[in-house]
Amino acid sequence: MNTTAPQQVTLTPRHKYRLLVGWAVAGLVSLLPTVVLAWLAAVSTERGGRCLMSGEQCSTIPGSALYAVFWLSVAAGLTALVRPRARWTYARLGAVLVQWGAQLTLGAMILSGA
């Protein structure tokens, strides 16, 4: 019976860079589908249909807040992509976290306004 200790996986800076770039690209690619699906779900409710047809019971969330969170997600994703590879690893990680946080917040804001 061969009992060997599990090997520890270490991430090189190159692997970390690829991982962060992958998450940033995935966030940027999925941003518009997230918004479209959230709006479709919001409009398909009774309240959303009433807002769409007669303008009553509409969301109290201002449109400027939705646009601000949308552009924050885009800016954070692009920031994570353009930072130098060898340096700024933690800044890129922070940008990716802000990007995904803003994207999820945007979807929740759209859905809560329904």
N, C-alpha and C. Protein backbone atom coordinates (compact mmCIF):
# COMPACT_ATOMS: atom_id res chain seq x y z
N MET A 1 0.84 -1.17 0.00
CA MET A 1 0.00 0.00 0.00
C MET A 1 0.90 1.24 0.00
N ASN A 2 0.68 2.09 -0.95
CA ASN A 2 1.49 3.29 -1.11
C ASN A 2 0.76 4.47 -0.50
N THR A 3 1.31 5.02 0.55
CA THR A 3 0.70 6.19 1.19
C THR A 3 1.63 7.36 1.02
N THR A 4 1.27 8.21 0.13
CA THR A 4 2.07 9.41 -0.10
C THR A 4 1.27 10.61 0.36
N ALA A 5 1.97 11.59 0.82
CA ALA A 5 1.31 12.82 1.26
C ALA A 5 0.79 13.58 0.05
N PRO A 6 -0.34 14.24 0.19
CA PRO A 6 -0.86 15.02 -0.94
C PRO A 6 0.11 16.15 -1.28
N GLN A 7 0.22 16.41 -2.55
CA GLN A 7 1.12 17.46 -3.00
C GLN A 7 0.43 18.81 -2.88
N GLN A 8 1.20 19.78 -2.47
CA GLN A 8 0.67 21.12 -2.33
C GLN A 8 0.77 21.83 -3.67
N VAL A 9 -0.31 22.46 -4.08
CA VAL A 9 -0.34 23.18 -5.34
C VAL A 9 0.04 24.63 -5.06
N THR A 10 1.03 25.11 -5.78
CA THR A 10 1.43 26.50 -5.65
C THR A 10 1.15 27.22 -6.96
N LEU A 11 0.64 28.41 -6.83
CA LEU A 11 0.33 29.20 -8.02
C LEU A 11 1.50 30.15 -8.30
N THR A 12 2.00 30.08 -9.49
CA THR A 12 3.04 31.00 -9.91
C THR A 12 2.40 32.33 -10.27
N PRO A 13 3.18 33.40 -10.35
CA PRO A 13 2.60 34.68 -10.75
C PRO A 13 1.88 34.61 -12.11
N ARG A 14 2.39 33.79 -13.00
CA ARG A 14 1.75 33.64 -14.31
C ARG A 14 0.36 33.01 -14.17
N HIS A 15 0.23 32.01 -13.31
CA HIS A 15 -1.06 31.37 -13.09
C HIS A 15 -2.04 32.33 -12.42
N LYS A 16 -1.54 33.11 -11.46
CA LYS A 16 -2.39 34.10 -10.80
C LYS A 16 -2.89 35.13 -11.80
N TYR A 17 -2.00 35.57 -12.69
CA TYR A 17 -2.38 36.55 -13.70
C TYR A 17 -3.47 35.98 -14.60
N ARG A 18 -3.30 34.77 -15.07
CA ARG A 18 -4.30 34.15 -15.94
C ARG A 18 -5.62 33.96 -15.22
N LEU A 19 -5.56 33.60 -13.96
CA LEU A 19 -6.78 33.40 -13.18
C LEU A 19 -7.54 34.71 -13.03
N LEU A 20 -6.83 35.79 -12.70
CA LEU A 20 -7.49 37.08 -12.55
C LEU A 20 -8.03 37.60 -13.88
N VAL A 21 -7.26 37.42 -14.94
CA VAL A 21 -7.73 37.85 -16.26
C VAL A 21 -8.97 37.04 -16.67
N GLY A 22 -8.96 35.77 -16.38
CA GLY A 22 -10.12 34.94 -16.70
C GLY A 22 -11.38 35.40 -15.99
N TRP A 23 -11.26 35.72 -14.70
CA TRP A 23 -12.42 36.20 -13.95
C TRP A 23 -12.87 37.57 -14.44
N ALA A 24 -11.91 38.43 -14.79
CA ALA A 24 -12.27 39.76 -15.29
C ALA A 24 -12.98 39.66 -16.64
N VAL A 25 -12.48 38.82 -17.52
CA VAL A 25 -13.11 38.65 -18.83
C VAL A 25 -14.49 38.02 -18.66
N ALA A 26 -14.60 37.03 -17.79
CA ALA A 26 -15.90 36.38 -17.55
C ALA A 26 -16.92 37.39 -17.03
N GLY A 27 -16.48 38.28 -16.17
CA GLY A 27 -17.38 39.32 -15.66
C GLY A 27 -17.81 40.29 -16.73
N LEU A 28 -16.87 40.70 -17.58
CA LEU A 28 -17.22 41.63 -18.65
C LEU A 28 -18.14 40.99 -19.68
N VAL A 29 -17.89 39.73 -19.99
CA VAL A 29 -18.72 39.03 -20.98
C VAL A 29 -20.13 38.78 -20.44
N SER A 30 -20.23 38.50 -19.15
CA SER A 30 -21.54 38.16 -18.58
C SER A 30 -22.32 39.37 -18.07
N LEU A 31 -21.76 40.57 -18.17
CA LEU A 31 -22.43 41.75 -17.63
C LEU A 31 -23.73 42.06 -18.38
N LEU A 32 -23.67 42.16 -19.69
CA LEU A 32 -24.88 42.48 -20.46
C LEU A 32 -25.94 41.38 -20.35
N PRO A 33 -25.59 40.09 -20.46
CA PRO A 33 -26.63 39.08 -20.25
C PRO A 33 -27.26 39.14 -18.85
N THR A 34 -26.47 39.49 -17.85
CA THR A 34 -27.01 39.63 -16.50
C THR A 34 -28.05 40.74 -16.45
N VAL A 35 -27.73 41.88 -17.06
CA VAL A 35 -28.65 43.01 -17.07
C VAL A 35 -29.92 42.67 -17.84
N VAL A 36 -29.76 42.07 -19.01
CA VAL A 36 -30.93 41.74 -19.84
C VAL A 36 -31.83 40.73 -19.14
N LEU A 37 -31.25 39.69 -18.57
CA LEU A 37 -32.06 38.69 -17.88
C LEU A 37 -32.74 39.26 -16.64
N ALA A 38 -32.06 40.13 -15.92
CA ALA A 38 -32.67 40.75 -14.74
C ALA A 38 -33.84 41.65 -15.15
N TRP A 39 -33.66 42.41 -16.24
CA TRP A 39 -34.77 43.26 -16.71
C TRP A 39 -35.94 42.42 -17.20
N LEU A 40 -35.66 41.34 -17.90
CA LEU A 40 -36.75 40.46 -18.35
C LEU A 40 -37.50 39.86 -17.17
N ALA A 41 -36.78 39.44 -16.16
CA ALA A 41 -37.42 38.90 -14.97
C ALA A 41 -38.22 39.97 -14.24
N ALA A 42 -37.69 41.19 -14.18
CA ALA A 42 -38.39 42.27 -13.49
C ALA A 42 -39.66 42.68 -14.23
N VAL A 43 -39.62 42.74 -15.54
CA VAL A 43 -40.76 43.17 -16.34
C VAL A 43 -41.83 42.07 -16.40
N SER A 44 -41.44 40.83 -16.22
CA SER A 44 -42.40 39.74 -16.32
C SER A 44 -43.28 39.59 -15.08
N THR A 45 -42.99 40.35 -14.02
CA THR A 45 -43.84 40.29 -12.84
C THR A 45 -45.05 41.20 -13.04
N GLU A 46 -46.04 41.04 -12.19
CA GLU A 46 -47.25 41.87 -12.29
C GLU A 46 -46.92 43.34 -12.07
N ARG A 47 -46.09 43.60 -11.07
CA ARG A 47 -45.69 44.98 -10.78
C ARG A 47 -44.89 45.58 -11.94
N GLY A 48 -43.98 44.78 -12.50
CA GLY A 48 -43.19 45.27 -13.62
C GLY A 48 -44.05 45.53 -14.85
N GLY A 49 -45.01 44.67 -15.11
CA GLY A 49 -45.92 44.89 -16.23
C GLY A 49 -46.78 46.13 -16.04
N ARG A 50 -47.22 46.35 -14.80
CA ARG A 50 -48.02 47.54 -14.51
C ARG A 50 -47.19 48.80 -14.70
N CYS A 51 -45.93 48.75 -14.30
CA CYS A 51 -45.05 49.90 -14.50
C CYS A 51 -44.81 50.15 -15.97
N LEU A 52 -44.62 49.09 -16.72
CA LEU A 52 -44.35 49.22 -18.15
C LEU A 52 -45.55 49.76 -18.91
N MET A 53 -46.74 49.29 -18.57
CA MET A 53 -47.95 49.68 -19.31
C MET A 53 -48.52 51.03 -18.89
N SER A 54 -48.62 51.25 -17.58
CA SER A 54 -49.31 52.47 -17.14
C SER A 54 -48.44 53.40 -16.30
N GLY A 55 -47.22 53.01 -16.01
CA GLY A 55 -46.31 53.88 -15.28
C GLY A 55 -46.58 53.96 -13.79
N GLU A 56 -47.31 53.01 -13.24
CA GLU A 56 -47.57 53.03 -11.79
C GLU A 56 -46.83 51.88 -11.12
N GLN A 57 -46.51 52.08 -9.85
CA GLN A 57 -45.76 51.13 -9.04
C GLN A 57 -44.37 50.83 -9.62
N CYS A 58 -43.74 51.84 -10.17
CA CYS A 58 -42.40 51.66 -10.73
C CYS A 58 -41.36 51.67 -9.61
N SER A 59 -40.17 51.30 -9.95
CA SER A 59 -39.07 51.21 -9.00
C SER A 59 -38.72 52.58 -8.43
N THR A 60 -38.31 52.57 -7.17
CA THR A 60 -37.87 53.81 -6.54
C THR A 60 -36.35 53.99 -6.67
N ILE A 61 -35.69 53.03 -7.26
CA ILE A 61 -34.24 53.13 -7.47
C ILE A 61 -33.99 54.04 -8.66
N PRO A 62 -33.24 55.12 -8.48
CA PRO A 62 -33.01 56.02 -9.61
C PRO A 62 -32.16 55.37 -10.70
N GLY A 63 -32.45 55.74 -11.93
CA GLY A 63 -31.70 55.19 -13.06
C GLY A 63 -30.23 55.54 -13.00
N SER A 64 -29.90 56.70 -12.43
CA SER A 64 -28.50 57.10 -12.34
C SER A 64 -27.71 56.13 -11.45
N ALA A 65 -28.36 55.58 -10.43
CA ALA A 65 -27.68 54.60 -9.57
C ALA A 65 -27.39 53.32 -10.34
N LEU A 66 -28.34 52.90 -11.18
CA LEU A 66 -28.12 51.70 -11.99
C LEU A 66 -26.99 51.92 -12.99
N TYR A 67 -26.99 53.08 -13.63
CA TYR A 67 -25.91 53.37 -14.58
C TYR A 67 -24.55 53.45 -13.88
N ALA A 68 -24.53 54.05 -12.69
CA ALA A 68 -23.27 54.18 -11.95
C ALA A 68 -22.70 52.81 -11.59
N VAL A 69 -23.55 51.90 -11.13
CA VAL A 69 -23.07 50.57 -10.77
C VAL A 69 -22.64 49.79 -12.01
N PHE A 70 -23.37 49.97 -13.11
CA PHE A 70 -23.00 49.32 -14.37
C PHE A 70 -21.61 49.77 -14.82
N TRP A 71 -21.39 51.08 -14.86
CA TRP A 71 -20.10 51.59 -15.32
C TRP A 71 -18.98 51.30 -14.32
N LEU A 72 -19.30 51.20 -13.04
CA LEU A 72 -18.30 50.79 -12.06
C LEU A 72 -17.83 49.38 -12.35
N SER A 73 -18.75 48.49 -12.69
CA SER A 73 -18.39 47.12 -13.02
C SER A 73 -17.51 47.07 -14.27
N VAL A 74 -17.87 47.85 -15.29
CA VAL A 74 -17.08 47.88 -16.51
C VAL A 74 -15.68 48.44 -16.23
N ALA A 75 -15.61 49.54 -15.50
CA ALA A 75 -14.32 50.17 -15.22
C ALA A 75 -13.42 49.26 -14.38
N ALA A 76 -14.00 48.59 -13.40
CA ALA A 76 -13.19 47.70 -12.56
C ALA A 76 -12.69 46.50 -13.38
N GLY A 77 -13.52 45.97 -14.26
CA GLY A 77 -13.09 44.86 -15.11
C GLY A 77 -11.97 45.26 -16.05
N LEU A 78 -12.11 46.44 -16.65
CA LEU A 78 -11.05 46.91 -17.55
C LEU A 78 -9.77 47.23 -16.79
N THR A 79 -9.91 47.74 -15.59
CA THR A 79 -8.74 48.02 -14.76
C THR A 79 -7.98 46.73 -14.45
N ALA A 80 -8.71 45.68 -14.17
CA ALA A 80 -8.07 44.39 -13.88
C ALA A 80 -7.35 43.85 -15.10
N LEU A 81 -7.82 44.20 -16.29
CA LEU A 81 -7.19 43.70 -17.51
C LEU A 81 -5.96 44.49 -17.92
N VAL A 82 -5.91 45.78 -17.63
CA VAL A 82 -4.82 46.61 -18.15
C VAL A 82 -3.68 46.82 -17.16
N ARG A 83 -3.82 46.37 -15.94
CA ARG A 83 -2.72 46.51 -14.98
C ARG A 83 -1.53 45.67 -15.43
N PRO A 84 -0.31 46.12 -15.12
CA PRO A 84 0.88 45.34 -15.50
C PRO A 84 0.85 43.95 -14.87
N ARG A 85 1.34 42.99 -15.61
CA ARG A 85 1.27 41.60 -15.17
C ARG A 85 2.16 41.33 -13.96
N ALA A 86 3.37 41.82 -13.97
CA ALA A 86 4.32 41.47 -12.92
C ALA A 86 4.02 42.14 -11.58
N ARG A 87 3.36 43.28 -11.63
CA ARG A 87 3.07 44.00 -10.39
C ARG A 87 1.57 44.17 -10.24
N TRP A 88 1.17 44.76 -9.15
CA TRP A 88 -0.22 45.14 -8.89
C TRP A 88 -1.16 43.94 -8.79
N THR A 89 -0.67 42.80 -8.32
CA THR A 89 -1.53 41.62 -8.22
C THR A 89 -2.70 41.88 -7.28
N TYR A 90 -2.44 42.49 -6.14
CA TYR A 90 -3.52 42.74 -5.19
C TYR A 90 -4.48 43.81 -5.70
N ALA A 91 -3.98 44.78 -6.43
CA ALA A 91 -4.86 45.79 -7.01
C ALA A 91 -5.78 45.16 -8.06
N ARG A 92 -5.23 44.25 -8.86
CA ARG A 92 -6.07 43.56 -9.86
C ARG A 92 -7.09 42.67 -9.18
N LEU A 93 -6.67 41.99 -8.11
CA LEU A 93 -7.60 41.15 -7.36
C LEU A 93 -8.73 42.01 -6.79
N GLY A 94 -8.38 43.15 -6.23
CA GLY A 94 -9.39 44.06 -5.70
C GLY A 94 -10.33 44.56 -6.79
N ALA A 95 -9.78 44.85 -7.97
CA ALA A 95 -10.61 45.31 -9.08
C ALA A 95 -11.59 44.23 -9.53
N VAL A 96 -11.13 42.98 -9.56
CA VAL A 96 -12.02 41.88 -9.94
C VAL A 96 -13.12 41.70 -8.90
N LEU A 97 -12.77 41.81 -7.63
CA LEU A 97 -13.78 41.69 -6.58
C LEU A 97 -14.80 42.83 -6.65
N VAL A 98 -14.33 44.03 -6.90
CA VAL A 98 -15.24 45.18 -7.07
C VAL A 98 -16.13 44.97 -8.30
N GLN A 99 -15.53 44.47 -9.37
CA GLN A 99 -16.28 44.22 -10.60
C GLN A 99 -17.44 43.25 -10.36
N TRP A 100 -17.14 42.11 -9.75
CA TRP A 100 -18.18 41.11 -9.51
C TRP A 100 -19.18 41.59 -8.46
N GLY A 101 -18.71 42.30 -7.46
CA GLY A 101 -19.63 42.86 -6.47
C GLY A 101 -20.59 43.85 -7.09
N ALA A 102 -20.08 44.71 -7.96
CA ALA A 102 -20.93 45.69 -8.63
C ALA A 102 -21.91 45.00 -9.58
N GLN A 103 -21.45 43.98 -10.27
CA GLN A 103 -22.33 43.27 -11.20
C GLN A 103 -23.47 42.57 -10.46
N LEU A 104 -23.16 41.91 -9.37
CA LEU A 104 -24.20 41.23 -8.59
C LEU A 104 -25.13 42.24 -7.92
N THR A 105 -24.59 43.37 -7.48
CA THR A 105 -25.41 44.43 -6.91
C THR A 105 -26.36 45.00 -7.95
N LEU A 106 -25.87 45.20 -9.17
CA LEU A 106 -26.71 45.71 -10.24
C LEU A 106 -27.87 44.76 -10.53
N GLY A 107 -27.59 43.48 -10.62
CA GLY A 107 -28.66 42.52 -10.85
C GLY A 107 -29.68 42.53 -9.73
N ALA A 108 -29.20 42.62 -8.49
CA ALA A 108 -30.11 42.67 -7.35
C ALA A 108 -30.93 43.96 -7.33
N MET A 109 -30.31 45.07 -7.71
CA MET A 109 -31.04 46.33 -7.77
C MET A 109 -32.15 46.28 -8.82
N ILE A 110 -31.85 45.72 -9.96
CA ILE A 110 -32.86 45.61 -11.02
C ILE A 110 -34.00 44.72 -10.55
N LEU A 111 -33.66 43.58 -9.97
CA LEU A 111 -34.69 42.65 -9.53
C LEU A 111 -35.51 43.20 -8.36
N SER A 112 -34.90 43.93 -7.47
CA SER A 112 -35.63 44.47 -6.32
C SER A 112 -36.56 45.60 -6.72
N GLY A 113 -36.29 46.23 -7.83
CA GLY A 113 -37.17 47.30 -8.30
C GLY A 113 -38.42 46.80 -8.97
N ALA A 114 -38.52 45.50 -9.17
CA ALA A 114 -39.68 44.94 -9.87
C ALA A 114 -40.89 44.90 -8.96
